[in-house]
Amino acid sequence: MTKIDSIHKVIERYDTRVNDMQKQIDSLVSINDSQNQQNERLNNELTDLTDLHQLEMSTLKTDLRKLEEKLLYNLNEYWAEIIERLDKLDTR
């Protein structure tokens, strides 16, 4: 085996290693791209869920405020009726 043959074999081995490494790099880039897409989808989903949660909380607060107003109104009506009945008892 001549020195040139030896050099050619070394070059072939390096070419093979470079090709293998390029395949690994391509695979990693593909995996990274896939992860980036998944992260973007999850981020969008999280944003949508956060918006929905805020809307639901706002609706709940509004519903609670309306319920509180209704309960206070009913309570005032109830107390007014009790006072009216007590006044009627006093006047008898």
N, C-alpha and C. Protein backbone atom coordinates (compact mmCIF):
# COMPACT_ATOMS: atom_id res chain seq x y z
N MET A 1 0.85 -1.17 0.00
CA MET A 1 0.00 0.00 0.00
C MET A 1 0.90 1.23 0.00
N THR A 2 0.60 2.12 -0.89
CA THR A 2 1.42 3.32 -1.02
C THR A 2 0.90 4.40 -0.10
N LYS A 3 1.69 5.40 0.03
CA LYS A 3 1.33 6.52 0.89
C LYS A 3 0.07 7.21 0.35
N ILE A 4 -0.05 7.31 -0.95
CA ILE A 4 -1.22 7.93 -1.58
C ILE A 4 -2.47 7.11 -1.27
N ASP A 5 -2.35 5.79 -1.35
CA ASP A 5 -3.49 4.93 -1.02
C ASP A 5 -3.91 5.14 0.44
N SER A 6 -2.93 5.25 1.28
CA SER A 6 -3.19 5.49 2.69
C SER A 6 -3.93 6.81 2.89
N ILE A 7 -3.49 7.83 2.22
CA ILE A 7 -4.13 9.15 2.31
C ILE A 7 -5.56 9.07 1.78
N HIS A 8 -5.76 8.35 0.69
CA HIS A 8 -7.11 8.20 0.12
C HIS A 8 -8.04 7.51 1.13
N LYS A 9 -7.53 6.50 1.80
CA LYS A 9 -8.35 5.80 2.79
C LYS A 9 -8.72 6.73 3.95
N VAL A 10 -7.76 7.52 4.40
CA VAL A 10 -8.03 8.47 5.47
C VAL A 10 -9.08 9.48 5.01
N ILE A 11 -8.94 9.96 3.79
CA ILE A 11 -9.91 10.92 3.24
C ILE A 11 -11.28 10.28 3.15
N GLU A 12 -11.36 9.03 2.72
CA GLU A 12 -12.64 8.33 2.63
C GLU A 12 -13.28 8.18 4.02
N ARG A 13 -12.44 7.84 5.00
CA ARG A 13 -12.98 7.72 6.37
C ARG A 13 -13.52 9.07 6.87
N TYR A 14 -12.77 10.13 6.61
CA TYR A 14 -13.24 11.46 7.02
C TYR A 14 -14.50 11.86 6.26
N ASP A 15 -14.55 11.54 4.98
CA ASP A 15 -15.76 11.83 4.20
C ASP A 15 -16.96 11.07 4.78
N THR A 16 -16.73 9.82 5.13
CA THR A 16 -17.80 9.02 5.73
C THR A 16 -18.25 9.63 7.05
N ARG A 17 -17.29 10.02 7.87
CA ARG A 17 -17.63 10.65 9.15
C ARG A 17 -18.37 11.97 8.94
N VAL A 18 -17.90 12.76 7.98
CA VAL A 18 -18.56 14.04 7.70
C VAL A 18 -19.99 13.78 7.24
N ASN A 19 -20.19 12.80 6.37
CA ASN A 19 -21.54 12.47 5.90
C ASN A 19 -22.42 12.00 7.05
N ASP A 20 -21.87 11.16 7.92
CA ASP A 20 -22.63 10.69 9.08
C ASP A 20 -23.00 11.86 10.00
N MET A 21 -22.06 12.73 10.22
CA MET A 21 -22.32 13.89 11.07
C MET A 21 -23.36 14.81 10.43
N GLN A 22 -23.30 14.97 9.11
CA GLN A 22 -24.28 15.81 8.42
C GLN A 22 -25.69 15.21 8.56
N LYS A 23 -25.78 13.88 8.48
CA LYS A 23 -27.07 13.21 8.67
C LYS A 23 -27.59 13.46 10.10
N GLN A 24 -26.69 13.38 11.07
CA GLN A 24 -27.09 13.64 12.45
C GLN A 24 -27.54 15.09 12.62
N ILE A 25 -26.82 16.00 12.01
CA ILE A 25 -27.20 17.42 12.09
C ILE A 25 -28.56 17.64 11.45
N ASP A 26 -28.77 17.05 10.27
CA ASP A 26 -30.06 17.18 9.59
C ASP A 26 -31.19 16.62 10.45
N SER A 27 -30.92 15.49 11.08
CA SER A 27 -31.92 14.89 11.96
C SER A 27 -32.23 15.80 13.14
N LEU A 28 -31.19 16.35 13.74
CA LEU A 28 -31.39 17.26 14.88
C LEU A 28 -32.13 18.53 14.47
N VAL A 29 -31.82 19.05 13.29
CA VAL A 29 -32.52 20.24 12.80
C VAL A 29 -33.99 19.93 12.60
N SER A 30 -34.27 18.75 12.05
CA SER A 30 -35.66 18.35 11.84
C SER A 30 -36.40 18.21 13.17
N ILE A 31 -35.75 17.58 14.14
CA ILE A 31 -36.36 17.43 15.47
C ILE A 31 -36.59 18.80 16.10
N ASN A 32 -35.63 19.68 15.96
CA ASN A 32 -35.75 21.03 16.51
C ASN A 32 -36.92 21.78 15.86
N ASP A 33 -37.04 21.67 14.55
CA ASP A 33 -38.15 22.32 13.85
C ASP A 33 -39.49 21.78 14.33
N SER A 34 -39.53 20.47 14.49
CA SER A 34 -40.77 19.84 14.97
C SER A 34 -41.11 20.33 16.38
N GLN A 35 -40.12 20.42 17.24
CA GLN A 35 -40.34 20.91 18.60
C GLN A 35 -40.78 22.37 18.60
N ASN A 36 -40.20 23.16 17.72
CA ASN A 36 -40.60 24.57 17.63
C ASN A 36 -42.06 24.69 17.21
N GLN A 37 -42.48 23.86 16.25
CA GLN A 37 -43.87 23.88 15.82
C GLN A 37 -44.80 23.46 16.96
N GLN A 38 -44.39 22.41 17.66
CA GLN A 38 -45.20 21.95 18.79
C GLN A 38 -45.27 23.03 19.87
N ASN A 39 -44.16 23.67 20.16
CA ASN A 39 -44.15 24.75 21.15
C ASN A 39 -45.07 25.89 20.73
N GLU A 40 -45.07 26.22 19.46
CA GLU A 40 -45.94 27.29 18.97
C GLU A 40 -47.40 26.90 19.13
N ARG A 41 -47.73 25.64 18.77
CA ARG A 41 -49.12 25.18 18.94
C ARG A 41 -49.53 25.22 20.41
N LEU A 42 -48.65 24.75 21.28
CA LEU A 42 -48.97 24.74 22.71
C LEU A 42 -49.09 26.17 23.25
N ASN A 43 -48.25 27.05 22.78
CA ASN A 43 -48.33 28.45 23.21
C ASN A 43 -49.65 29.07 22.76
N ASN A 44 -50.06 28.78 21.53
CA ASN A 44 -51.35 29.29 21.04
C ASN A 44 -52.50 28.70 21.85
N GLU A 45 -52.40 27.42 22.16
CA GLU A 45 -53.45 26.78 22.96
C GLU A 45 -53.52 27.39 24.36
N LEU A 46 -52.36 27.63 24.95
CA LEU A 46 -52.32 28.25 26.27
C LEU A 46 -52.92 29.66 26.24
N THR A 47 -52.61 30.41 25.20
CA THR A 47 -53.17 31.75 25.05
C THR A 47 -54.69 31.68 24.93
N ASP A 48 -55.17 30.74 24.11
CA ASP A 48 -56.62 30.58 23.95
C ASP A 48 -57.28 30.20 25.27
N LEU A 49 -56.66 29.27 26.00
CA LEU A 49 -57.23 28.85 27.28
C LEU A 49 -57.21 29.98 28.30
N THR A 50 -56.16 30.76 28.29
CA THR A 50 -56.07 31.90 29.21
C THR A 50 -57.15 32.92 28.89
N ASP A 51 -57.34 33.20 27.60
CA ASP A 51 -58.40 34.13 27.20
C ASP A 51 -59.77 33.61 27.61
N LEU A 52 -60.00 32.32 27.39
CA LEU A 52 -61.28 31.72 27.78
C LEU A 52 -61.48 31.80 29.29
N HIS A 53 -60.44 31.52 30.04
CA HIS A 53 -60.52 31.59 31.50
C HIS A 53 -60.88 33.01 31.95
N GLN A 54 -60.22 34.00 31.37
CA GLN A 54 -60.50 35.39 31.74
C GLN A 54 -61.94 35.76 31.41
N LEU A 55 -62.43 35.31 30.27
CA LEU A 55 -63.82 35.58 29.89
C LEU A 55 -64.78 34.90 30.87
N GLU A 56 -64.49 33.65 31.20
CA GLU A 56 -65.36 32.93 32.14
C GLU A 56 -65.34 33.58 33.53
N MET A 57 -64.18 34.03 33.97
CA MET A 57 -64.09 34.70 35.27
C MET A 57 -64.90 36.00 35.25
N SER A 58 -64.80 36.73 34.17
CA SER A 58 -65.57 37.97 34.05
C SER A 58 -67.06 37.68 34.09
N THR A 59 -67.48 36.64 33.38
CA THR A 59 -68.89 36.25 33.37
C THR A 59 -69.33 35.82 34.77
N LEU A 60 -68.49 35.05 35.46
CA LEU A 60 -68.83 34.63 36.82
C LEU A 60 -68.97 35.82 37.76
N LYS A 61 -68.06 36.78 37.64
CA LYS A 61 -68.14 37.97 38.49
C LYS A 61 -69.42 38.74 38.22
N THR A 62 -69.78 38.86 36.96
CA THR A 62 -71.02 39.56 36.60
C THR A 62 -72.23 38.81 37.16
N ASP A 63 -72.23 37.48 36.99
CA ASP A 63 -73.34 36.68 37.50
C ASP A 63 -73.44 36.77 39.02
N LEU A 64 -72.30 36.75 39.70
CA LEU A 64 -72.31 36.87 41.16
C LEU A 64 -72.82 38.24 41.60
N ARG A 65 -72.42 39.28 40.90
CA ARG A 65 -72.89 40.63 41.23
C ARG A 65 -74.41 40.72 41.05
N LYS A 66 -74.93 40.15 39.97
CA LYS A 66 -76.38 40.16 39.74
C LYS A 66 -77.10 39.35 40.81
N LEU A 67 -76.53 38.21 41.18
CA LEU A 67 -77.14 37.38 42.21
C LEU A 67 -77.15 38.11 43.55
N GLU A 68 -76.06 38.79 43.86
CA GLU A 68 -75.98 39.56 45.10
C GLU A 68 -77.05 40.66 45.11
N GLU A 69 -77.20 41.36 43.99
CA GLU A 69 -78.22 42.41 43.91
C GLU A 69 -79.62 41.82 44.11
N LYS A 70 -79.87 40.67 43.48
CA LYS A 70 -81.18 40.02 43.60
C LYS A 70 -81.42 39.59 45.05
N LEU A 71 -80.40 39.00 45.67
CA LEU A 71 -80.56 38.57 47.06
C LEU A 71 -80.80 39.75 47.99
N LEU A 72 -80.07 40.84 47.78
CA LEU A 72 -80.28 42.04 48.61
C LEU A 72 -81.68 42.59 48.41
N TYR A 73 -82.15 42.62 47.18
CA TYR A 73 -83.50 43.11 46.90
C TYR A 73 -84.52 42.23 47.62
N ASN A 74 -84.36 40.90 47.47
CA ASN A 74 -85.31 39.98 48.13
C ASN A 74 -85.24 40.10 49.65
N LEU A 75 -84.03 40.27 50.18
CA LEU A 75 -83.88 40.43 51.62
C LEU A 75 -84.56 41.72 52.09
N ASN A 76 -84.38 42.81 51.35
CA ASN A 76 -85.04 44.07 51.71
C ASN A 76 -86.55 43.94 51.65
N GLU A 77 -87.05 43.25 50.63
CA GLU A 77 -88.49 43.01 50.52
C GLU A 77 -88.99 42.19 51.72
N TYR A 78 -88.23 41.17 52.07
CA TYR A 78 -88.59 40.30 53.19
C TYR A 78 -88.64 41.10 54.49
N TRP A 79 -87.59 41.91 54.74
CA TRP A 79 -87.55 42.71 55.97
C TRP A 79 -88.65 43.77 55.98
N ALA A 80 -88.92 44.35 54.84
CA ALA A 80 -90.01 45.34 54.77
C ALA A 80 -91.34 44.69 55.11
N GLU A 81 -91.54 43.47 54.63
CA GLU A 81 -92.78 42.76 54.93
C GLU A 81 -92.86 42.41 56.42
N ILE A 82 -91.75 41.99 57.00
CA ILE A 82 -91.73 41.67 58.43
C ILE A 82 -92.03 42.92 59.26
N ILE A 83 -91.41 44.04 58.92
CA ILE A 83 -91.65 45.29 59.65
C ILE A 83 -93.10 45.71 59.51
N GLU A 84 -93.65 45.56 58.31
CA GLU A 84 -95.05 45.92 58.09
C GLU A 84 -95.97 45.06 58.95
N ARG A 85 -95.69 43.77 59.03
CA ARG A 85 -96.51 42.88 59.86
C ARG A 85 -96.37 43.22 61.35
N LEU A 86 -95.14 43.55 61.76
CA LEU A 86 -94.94 43.93 63.16
C LEU A 86 -95.69 45.22 63.48
N ASP A 87 -95.66 46.17 62.55
CA ASP A 87 -96.41 47.42 62.76
C ASP A 87 -97.90 47.14 62.89
N LYS A 88 -98.42 46.23 62.08
CA LYS A 88 -99.84 45.89 62.16
C LYS A 88 -100.17 45.25 63.51
N LEU A 89 -99.24 44.43 64.01
CA LEU A 89 -99.46 43.81 65.32
C LEU A 89 -99.48 44.87 66.42
N ASP A 90 -98.61 45.88 66.32
CA ASP A 90 -98.56 46.94 67.33
C ASP A 90 -99.82 47.79 67.31
N THR A 91 -100.41 47.98 66.17
CA THR A 91 -101.59 48.84 66.07
C THR A 91 -102.87 48.11 66.46
N ARG A 92 -102.86 46.86 66.65
CA ARG A 92 -104.07 46.13 67.04
C ARG A 92 -104.45 46.37 68.44
